[in-house]
Amino acid sequence: MTSTNNERHLDMDSVVQAVIKKFLERSELGQKKYGTTLDRTDLKPHDWIQHAQEELMDGILYLEKLKQIIPKPEAPSPVQDKKSD
């Protein structure tokens, strides 16, 4: 028996469902903003690489910002790490 897409989504965990929803929302936003989809053929491979690099650089900046504002967890003391014999 073959599952429909909707039935398969019901079997997925909530994290996967949330990511799929965000991908769909992002796709809609991109189509409205740029008037095209990723199926476009006007870009060369180098252009796609450039776009990806810029997106990843933004991601690194966001992660660095989060590292600066989220307190570091305290490392456990060596005594707590030892197993009792």
PDB file of N, CA and C in Angstrom:
ATOM      1  N   MET A   1       0.846  -1.180   0.000  1.00  0.00           N
ATOM      2  CA  MET A   1       0.000   0.000   0.000  1.00  0.00           C
ATOM      3  C   MET A   1       0.893   1.245   0.000  1.00  0.00           C
ATOM      4  N   THR A   2       0.601   2.196  -0.860  1.00  0.00           N
ATOM      5  CA  THR A   2       1.397   3.415  -0.975  1.00  0.00           C
ATOM      6  C   THR A   2       0.769   4.531  -0.167  1.00  0.00           C
ATOM      7  N   SER A   3       1.608   5.220   0.595  1.00  0.00           N
ATOM      8  CA  SER A   3       1.128   6.343   1.396  1.00  0.00           C
ATOM      9  C   SER A   3       1.091   7.604   0.552  1.00  0.00           C
ATOM     10  N   THR A   4       0.124   8.445   0.808  1.00  0.00           N
ATOM     11  CA  THR A   4       0.119   9.752   0.166  1.00  0.00           C
ATOM     12  C   THR A   4       1.108  10.635   0.904  1.00  0.00           C
ATOM     13  N   ASN A   5       1.450  11.774   0.311  1.00  0.00           N
ATOM     14  CA  ASN A   5       2.370  12.703   0.975  1.00  0.00           C
ATOM     15  C   ASN A   5       1.831  13.132   2.324  1.00  0.00           C
ATOM     16  N   ASN A   6       0.530  13.405   2.397  1.00  0.00           N
ATOM     17  CA  ASN A   6      -0.053  13.835   3.667  1.00  0.00           C
ATOM     18  C   ASN A   6       0.056  12.757   4.726  1.00  0.00           C
ATOM     19  N   GLU A   7      -0.169  11.507   4.350  1.00  0.00           N
ATOM     20  CA  GLU A   7      -0.052  10.410   5.316  1.00  0.00           C
ATOM     21  C   GLU A   7       1.381  10.265   5.792  1.00  0.00           C
ATOM     22  N   ARG A   8       2.343  10.424   4.905  1.00  0.00           N
ATOM     23  CA  ARG A   8       3.746  10.330   5.298  1.00  0.00           C
ATOM     24  C   ARG A   8       4.126  11.450   6.250  1.00  0.00           C
ATOM     25  N   HIS A   9       3.582  12.634   6.034  1.00  0.00           N
ATOM     26  CA  HIS A   9       3.872  13.753   6.926  1.00  0.00           C
ATOM     27  C   HIS A   9       3.354  13.483   8.331  1.00  0.00           C
ATOM     28  N   LEU A  10       2.254  12.762   8.442  1.00  0.00           N
ATOM     29  CA  LEU A  10       1.714  12.454   9.761  1.00  0.00           C
ATOM     30  C   LEU A  10       2.643  11.534  10.538  1.00  0.00           C
ATOM     31  N   ASP A  11       3.405  10.698   9.827  1.00  0.00           N
ATOM     32  CA  ASP A  11       4.322   9.773  10.475  1.00  0.00           C
ATOM     33  C   ASP A  11       5.636  10.438  10.896  1.00  0.00           C
ATOM     34  N   MET A  12       5.914  11.615  10.380  1.00  0.00           N
ATOM     35  CA  MET A  12       7.175  12.281  10.681  1.00  0.00           C
ATOM     36  C   MET A  12       7.142  12.897  12.072  1.00  0.00           C
ATOM     37  N   ASP A  13       8.345  13.008  12.644  1.00  0.00           N
ATOM     38  CA  ASP A  13       8.406  13.663  13.948  1.00  0.00           C
ATOM     39  C   ASP A  13       8.197  15.166  13.782  1.00  0.00           C
ATOM     40  N   SER A  14       7.927  15.826  14.874  1.00  0.00           N
ATOM     41  CA  SER A  14       7.567  17.242  14.837  1.00  0.00           C
ATOM     42  C   SER A  14       8.694  18.129  14.316  1.00  0.00           C
ATOM     43  N   VAL A  15       9.928  17.734  14.525  1.00  0.00           N
ATOM     44  CA  VAL A  15      11.055  18.540  14.052  1.00  0.00           C
ATOM     45  C   VAL A  15      11.101  18.525  12.526  1.00  0.00           C
ATOM     46  N   VAL A  16      10.940  17.353  11.935  1.00  0.00           N
ATOM     47  CA  VAL A  16      10.939  17.236  10.467  1.00  0.00           C
ATOM     48  C   VAL A  16       9.762  18.027   9.898  1.00  0.00           C
ATOM     49  N   GLN A  17       8.602  17.913  10.510  1.00  0.00           N
ATOM     50  CA  GLN A  17       7.431  18.654  10.046  1.00  0.00           C
ATOM     51  C   GLN A  17       7.679  20.161  10.099  1.00  0.00           C
ATOM     52  N   ALA A  18       8.312  20.630  11.166  1.00  0.00           N
ATOM     53  CA  ALA A  18       8.585  22.063  11.310  1.00  0.00           C
ATOM     54  C   ALA A  18       9.553  22.550  10.233  1.00  0.00           C
ATOM     55  N   VAL A  19      10.562  21.736   9.921  1.00  0.00           N
ATOM     56  CA  VAL A  19      11.540  22.128   8.897  1.00  0.00           C
ATOM     57  C   VAL A  19      10.887  22.153   7.517  1.00  0.00           C
ATOM     58  N   ILE A  20      10.073  21.164   7.220  1.00  0.00           N
ATOM     59  CA  ILE A  20       9.379  21.139   5.926  1.00  0.00           C
ATOM     60  C   ILE A  20       8.492  22.369   5.781  1.00  0.00           C
ATOM     61  N   LYS A  21       7.778  22.711   6.846  1.00  0.00           N
ATOM     62  CA  LYS A  21       6.911  23.893   6.813  1.00  0.00           C
ATOM     63  C   LYS A  21       7.733  25.147   6.540  1.00  0.00           C
ATOM     64  N   LYS A  22       8.893  25.255   7.175  1.00  0.00           N
ATOM     65  CA  LYS A  22       9.745  26.431   6.964  1.00  0.00           C
ATOM     66  C   LYS A  22      10.286  26.485   5.538  1.00  0.00           C
ATOM     67  N   PHE A  23      10.643  25.326   4.975  1.00  0.00           N
ATOM     68  CA  PHE A  23      11.100  25.293   3.581  1.00  0.00           C
ATOM     69  C   PHE A  23       9.997  25.777   2.644  1.00  0.00           C
ATOM     70  N   LEU A  24       8.777  25.319   2.861  1.00  0.00           N
ATOM     71  CA  LEU A  24       7.657  25.729   2.010  1.00  0.00           C
ATOM     72  C   LEU A  24       7.400  27.228   2.144  1.00  0.00           C
ATOM     73  N   GLU A  25       7.433  27.736   3.369  1.00  0.00           N
ATOM     74  CA  GLU A  25       7.227  29.169   3.589  1.00  0.00           C
ATOM     75  C   GLU A  25       8.333  29.987   2.937  1.00  0.00           C
ATOM     76  N   ARG A  26       9.578  29.501   3.061  1.00  0.00           N
ATOM     77  CA  ARG A  26      10.713  30.216   2.465  1.00  0.00           C
ATOM     78  C   ARG A  26      10.606  30.223   0.947  1.00  0.00           C
ATOM     79  N   SER A  27      10.160  29.122   0.376  1.00  0.00           N
ATOM     80  CA  SER A  27       9.981  29.036  -1.066  1.00  0.00           C
ATOM     81  C   SER A  27       8.947  30.058  -1.540  1.00  0.00           C
ATOM     82  N   GLU A  28       7.830  30.142  -0.833  1.00  0.00           N
ATOM     83  CA  GLU A  28       6.789  31.119  -1.186  1.00  0.00           C
ATOM     84  C   GLU A  28       7.316  32.547  -1.082  1.00  0.00           C
ATOM     85  N   LEU A  29       8.038  32.828  -0.007  1.00  0.00           N
ATOM     86  CA  LEU A  29       8.603  34.161   0.187  1.00  0.00           C
ATOM     87  C   LEU A  29       9.570  34.508  -0.945  1.00  0.00           C
ATOM     88  N   GLY A  30      10.433  33.564  -1.289  1.00  0.00           N
ATOM     89  CA  GLY A  30      11.393  33.791  -2.364  1.00  0.00           C
ATOM     90  C   GLY A  30      10.725  34.035  -3.704  1.00  0.00           C
ATOM     91  N   GLN A  31       9.656  33.298  -3.974  1.00  0.00           N
ATOM     92  CA  GLN A  31       8.936  33.492  -5.233  1.00  0.00           C
ATOM     93  C   GLN A  31       8.297  34.873  -5.287  1.00  0.00           C
ATOM     94  N   LYS A  32       7.734  35.313  -4.148  1.00  0.00           N
ATOM     95  CA  LYS A  32       7.128  36.648  -4.110  1.00  0.00           C
ATOM     96  C   LYS A  32       8.194  37.733  -4.229  1.00  0.00           C
ATOM     97  N   LYS A  33       9.301  37.548  -3.521  1.00  0.00           N
ATOM     98  CA  LYS A  33      10.349  38.574  -3.481  1.00  0.00           C
ATOM     99  C   LYS A  33      11.106  38.677  -4.798  1.00  0.00           C
ATOM    100  N   TYR A  34      11.461  37.521  -5.386  1.00  0.00           N
ATOM    101  CA  TYR A  34      12.315  37.525  -6.569  1.00  0.00           C
ATOM    102  C   TYR A  34      11.570  37.195  -7.853  1.00  0.00           C
ATOM    103  N   GLY A  35      10.308  36.770  -7.740  1.00  0.00           N
ATOM    104  CA  GLY A  35       9.521  36.479  -8.933  1.00  0.00           C
ATOM    105  C   GLY A  35       9.984  35.250  -9.695  1.00  0.00           C
ATOM    106  N   THR A  36      10.690  34.350  -9.026  1.00  0.00           N
ATOM    107  CA  THR A  36      11.174  33.137  -9.679  1.00  0.00           C
ATOM    108  C   THR A  36      11.385  32.054  -8.629  1.00  0.00           C
ATOM    109  N   THR A  37      11.714  30.864  -9.103  1.00  0.00           N
ATOM    110  CA  THR A  37      11.992  29.740  -8.207  1.00  0.00           C
ATOM    111  C   THR A  37      13.437  29.293  -8.421  1.00  0.00           C
ATOM    112  N   LEU A  38      13.832  28.280  -7.698  1.00  0.00           N
ATOM    113  CA  LEU A  38      15.178  27.728  -7.896  1.00  0.00           C
ATOM    114  C   LEU A  38      15.279  26.930  -9.191  1.00  0.00           C
ATOM    115  N   ASP A  39      14.180  26.776  -9.880  1.00  0.00           N
ATOM    116  CA  ASP A  39      14.204  26.122 -11.191  1.00  0.00           C
ATOM    117  C   ASP A  39      14.698  27.063 -12.283  1.00  0.00           C
ATOM    118  N   ARG A  40      15.006  28.280 -11.925  1.00  0.00           N
ATOM    119  CA  ARG A  40      15.466  29.267 -12.899  1.00  0.00           C
ATOM    120  C   ARG A  40      16.712  28.765 -13.620  1.00  0.00           C
ATOM    121  N   THR A  41      16.898  29.221 -14.836  1.00  0.00           N
ATOM    122  CA  THR A  41      18.030  28.753 -15.645  1.00  0.00           C
ATOM    123  C   THR A  41      18.963  29.885 -16.071  1.00  0.00           C
ATOM    124  N   ASP A  42      18.745  31.088 -15.518  1.00  0.00           N
ATOM    125  CA  ASP A  42      19.557  32.230 -15.929  1.00  0.00           C
ATOM    126  C   ASP A  42      20.875  32.341 -15.183  1.00  0.00           C
ATOM    127  N   LEU A  43      21.073  31.524 -14.158  1.00  0.00           N
ATOM    128  CA  LEU A  43      22.316  31.584 -13.395  1.00  0.00           C
ATOM    129  C   LEU A  43      23.254  30.453 -13.801  1.00  0.00           C
ATOM    130  N   LYS A  44      24.537  30.777 -13.797  1.00  0.00           N
ATOM    131  CA  LYS A  44      25.569  29.775 -14.093  1.00  0.00           C
ATOM    132  C   LYS A  44      25.975  29.098 -12.789  1.00  0.00           C
ATOM    133  N   PRO A  45      26.628  27.933 -12.866  1.00  0.00           N
ATOM    134  CA  PRO A  45      27.061  27.257 -11.633  1.00  0.00           C
ATOM    135  C   PRO A  45      27.846  28.162 -10.687  1.00  0.00           C
ATOM    136  N   HIS A  46      28.710  29.003 -11.227  1.00  0.00           N
ATOM    137  CA  HIS A  46      29.490  29.908 -10.382  1.00  0.00           C
ATOM    138  C   HIS A  46      28.574  30.855  -9.607  1.00  0.00           C
ATOM    139  N   ASP A  47      27.502  31.311 -10.233  1.00  0.00           N
ATOM    140  CA  ASP A  47      26.550  32.198  -9.563  1.00  0.00           C
ATOM    141  C   ASP A  47      25.887  31.490  -8.380  1.00  0.00           C
ATOM    142  N   TRP A  48      25.520  30.214  -8.577  1.00  0.00           N
ATOM    143  CA  TRP A  48      24.901  29.437  -7.491  1.00  0.00           C
ATOM    144  C   TRP A  48      25.885  29.264  -6.337  1.00  0.00           C
ATOM    145  N   ILE A  49      27.156  29.033  -6.676  1.00  0.00           N
ATOM    146  CA  ILE A  49      28.187  28.906  -5.644  1.00  0.00           C
ATOM    147  C   ILE A  49      28.318  30.212  -4.870  1.00  0.00           C
ATOM    148  N   GLN A  50      28.310  31.329  -5.587  1.00  0.00           N
ATOM    149  CA  GLN A  50      28.422  32.638  -4.941  1.00  0.00           C
ATOM    150  C   GLN A  50      27.253  32.871  -3.982  1.00  0.00           C
ATOM    151  N   HIS A  51      26.041  32.564  -4.437  1.00  0.00           N
ATOM    152  CA  HIS A  51      24.861  32.712  -3.574  1.00  0.00           C
ATOM    153  C   HIS A  51      25.002  31.849  -2.320  1.00  0.00           C
ATOM    154  N   ALA A  52      25.423  30.615  -2.495  1.00  0.00           N
ATOM    155  CA  ALA A  52      25.574  29.697  -1.358  1.00  0.00           C
ATOM    156  C   ALA A  52      26.628  30.219  -0.384  1.00  0.00           C
ATOM    157  N   GLN A  53      27.759  30.705  -0.899  1.00  0.00           N
ATOM    158  CA  GLN A  53      28.799  31.250  -0.021  1.00  0.00           C
ATOM    159  C   GLN A  53      28.270  32.415   0.803  1.00  0.00           C
ATOM    160  N   GLU A  54      27.535  33.296   0.163  1.00  0.00           N
ATOM    161  CA  GLU A  54      27.010  34.460   0.874  1.00  0.00           C
ATOM    162  C   GLU A  54      26.025  34.043   1.961  1.00  0.00           C
ATOM    163  N   GLU A  55      25.168  33.076   1.658  1.00  0.00           N
ATOM    164  CA  GLU A  55      24.208  32.580   2.654  1.00  0.00           C
ATOM    165  C   GLU A  55      24.933  31.919   3.831  1.00  0.00           C
ATOM    166  N   LEU A  56      25.957  31.124   3.537  1.00  0.00           N
ATOM    167  CA  LEU A  56      26.702  30.454   4.599  1.00  0.00           C
ATOM    168  C   LEU A  56      27.491  31.439   5.449  1.00  0.00           C
ATOM    169  N   MET A  57      28.034  32.482   4.817  1.00  0.00           N
ATOM    170  CA  MET A  57      28.742  33.503   5.590  1.00  0.00           C
ATOM    171  C   MET A  57      27.776  34.197   6.549  1.00  0.00           C
ATOM    172  N   ASP A  58      26.558  34.484   6.079  1.00  0.00           N
ATOM    173  CA  ASP A  58      25.554  35.064   6.970  1.00  0.00           C
ATOM    174  C   ASP A  58      25.291  34.124   8.142  1.00  0.00           C
ATOM    175  N   GLY A  59      25.172  32.826   7.860  1.00  0.00           N
ATOM    176  CA  GLY A  59      24.924  31.852   8.914  1.00  0.00           C
ATOM    177  C   GLY A  59      26.026  31.838   9.957  1.00  0.00           C
ATOM    178  N   ILE A  60      27.270  31.931   9.529  1.00  0.00           N
ATOM    179  CA  ILE A  60      28.400  31.971  10.460  1.00  0.00           C
ATOM    180  C   ILE A  60      28.315  33.222  11.337  1.00  0.00           C
ATOM    181  N   LEU A  61      27.942  34.343  10.743  1.00  0.00           N
ATOM    182  CA  LEU A  61      27.799  35.567  11.525  1.00  0.00           C
ATOM    183  C   LEU A  61      26.703  35.426  12.577  1.00  0.00           C
ATOM    184  N   TYR A  62      25.586  34.815  12.216  1.00  0.00           N
ATOM    185  CA  TYR A  62      24.498  34.616  13.177  1.00  0.00           C
ATOM    186  C   TYR A  62      24.944  33.702  14.314  1.00  0.00           C
ATOM    187  N   LEU A  63      25.682  32.647  13.994  1.00  0.00           N
ATOM    188  CA  LEU A  63      26.177  31.739  15.032  1.00  0.00           C
ATOM    189  C   LEU A  63      27.157  32.439  15.968  1.00  0.00           C
ATOM    190  N   GLU A  64      28.022  33.267  15.408  1.00  0.00           N
ATOM    191  CA  GLU A  64      28.976  34.003  16.246  1.00  0.00           C
ATOM    192  C   GLU A  64      28.230  34.949  17.188  1.00  0.00           C
ATOM    193  N   LYS A  65      27.217  35.621  16.684  1.00  0.00           N
ATOM    194  CA  LYS A  65      26.418  36.515  17.525  1.00  0.00           C
ATOM    195  C   LYS A  65      25.781  35.734  18.670  1.00  0.00           C
ATOM    196  N   LEU A  66      25.223  34.575  18.373  1.00  0.00           N
ATOM    197  CA  LEU A  66      24.610  33.754  19.417  1.00  0.00           C
ATOM    198  C   LEU A  66      25.630  33.301  20.455  1.00  0.00           C
ATOM    199  N   LYS A  67      26.828  32.945  20.004  1.00  0.00           N
ATOM    200  CA  LYS A  67      27.880  32.565  20.949  1.00  0.00           C
ATOM    201  C   LYS A  67      28.199  33.712  21.893  1.00  0.00           C
ATOM    202  N   GLN A  68      28.142  34.940  21.383  1.00  0.00           N
ATOM    203  CA  GLN A  68      28.456  36.101  22.204  1.00  0.00           C
ATOM    204  C   GLN A  68      27.370  36.425  23.213  1.00  0.00           C
ATOM    205  N   ILE A  69      26.121  36.094  22.913  1.00  0.00           N
ATOM    206  CA  ILE A  69      25.046  36.498  23.820  1.00  0.00           C
ATOM    207  C   ILE A  69      24.518  35.361  24.696  1.00  0.00           C
ATOM    208  N   ILE A  70      24.839  34.126  24.366  1.00  0.00           N
ATOM    209  CA  ILE A  70      24.398  33.000  25.190  1.00  0.00           C
ATOM    210  C   ILE A  70      25.517  32.655  26.163  1.00  0.00           C
ATOM    211  N   PRO A  71      25.215  32.601  27.452  1.00  0.00           N
ATOM    212  CA  PRO A  71      26.261  32.252  28.419  1.00  0.00           C
ATOM    213  C   PRO A  71      26.832  30.860  28.143  1.00  0.00           C
ATOM    214  N   LYS A  72      28.144  30.745  28.330  1.00  0.00           N
ATOM    215  CA  LYS A  72      28.788  29.443  28.157  1.00  0.00           C
ATOM    216  C   LYS A  72      28.380  28.528  29.300  1.00  0.00           C
ATOM    217  N   PRO A  73      28.080  27.270  28.980  1.00  0.00           N
ATOM    218  CA  PRO A  73      27.799  26.343  30.091  1.00  0.00           C
ATOM    219  C   PRO A  73      29.084  26.056  30.841  1.00  0.00           C
ATOM    220  N   GLU A  74      28.951  25.862  32.133  1.00  0.00           N
ATOM    221  CA  GLU A  74      30.133  25.550  32.927  1.00  0.00           C
ATOM    222  C   GLU A  74      30.577  24.124  32.636  1.00  0.00           C
ATOM    223  N   ALA A  75      31.879  23.948  32.518  1.00  0.00           N
ATOM    224  CA  ALA A  75      32.411  22.609  32.298  1.00  0.00           C
ATOM    225  C   ALA A  75      32.326  21.821  33.605  1.00  0.00           C
ATOM    226  N   PRO A  76      31.970  20.535  33.526  1.00  0.00           N
ATOM    227  CA  PRO A  76      31.936  19.734  34.763  1.00  0.00           C
ATOM    228  C   PRO A  76      33.340  19.601  35.340  1.00  0.00           C
ATOM    229  N   SER A  77      33.412  19.526  36.652  1.00  0.00           N
ATOM    230  CA  SER A  77      34.723  19.380  37.283  1.00  0.00           C
ATOM    231  C   SER A  77      35.235  17.962  37.050  1.00  0.00           C
ATOM    232  N   PRO A  78      36.556  17.784  37.011  1.00  0.00           N
ATOM    233  CA  PRO A  78      37.127  16.446  36.777  1.00  0.00           C
ATOM    234  C   PRO A  78      36.656  15.416  37.795  1.00  0.00           C
ATOM    235  N   VAL A  79      36.368  15.837  39.009  1.00  0.00           N
ATOM    236  CA  VAL A  79      35.919  14.909  40.048  1.00  0.00           C
ATOM    237  C   VAL A  79      34.554  14.322  39.671  1.00  0.00           C
ATOM    238  N   GLN A  80      33.697  15.133  39.086  1.00  0.00           N
ATOM    239  CA  GLN A  80      32.361  14.670  38.693  1.00  0.00           C
ATOM    240  C   GLN A  80      32.438  13.699  37.524  1.00  0.00           C
ATOM    241  N   ASP A  81      33.472  13.827  36.688  1.00  0.00           N
ATOM    242  CA  ASP A  81      33.602  12.959  35.525  1.00  0.00           C
ATOM    243  C   ASP A  81      34.108  11.569  35.860  1.00  0.00           C
ATOM    244  N   LYS A  82      34.816  11.415  36.981  1.00  0.00           N
ATOM    245  CA  LYS A  82      35.387  10.109  37.342  1.00  0.00           C
ATOM    246  C   LYS A  82      34.295   9.134  37.733  1.00  0.00           C
ATOM    247  N   LYS A  83      34.428   7.931  37.239  1.00  0.00           N
ATOM    248  CA  LYS A  83      33.507   6.875  37.652  1.00  0.00           C
ATOM    249  C   LYS A  83      34.008   6.265  38.925  1.00  0.00           C
ATOM    250  N   SER A  84      33.095   5.922  39.805  1.00  0.00           N
ATOM    251  CA  SER A  84      33.525   5.285  41.054  1.00  0.00           C
ATOM    252  C   SER A  84      33.894   3.830  40.797  1.00  0.00           C
ATOM    253  N   ASP A  85      34.949   3.395  41.469  1.00  0.00           N
ATOM    254  CA  ASP A  85      35.442   2.016  41.294  1.00  0.00           C
ATOM    255  C   ASP A  85      34.804   1.059  42.237  1.00  0.00           C
TER     256      ASP A  85
END
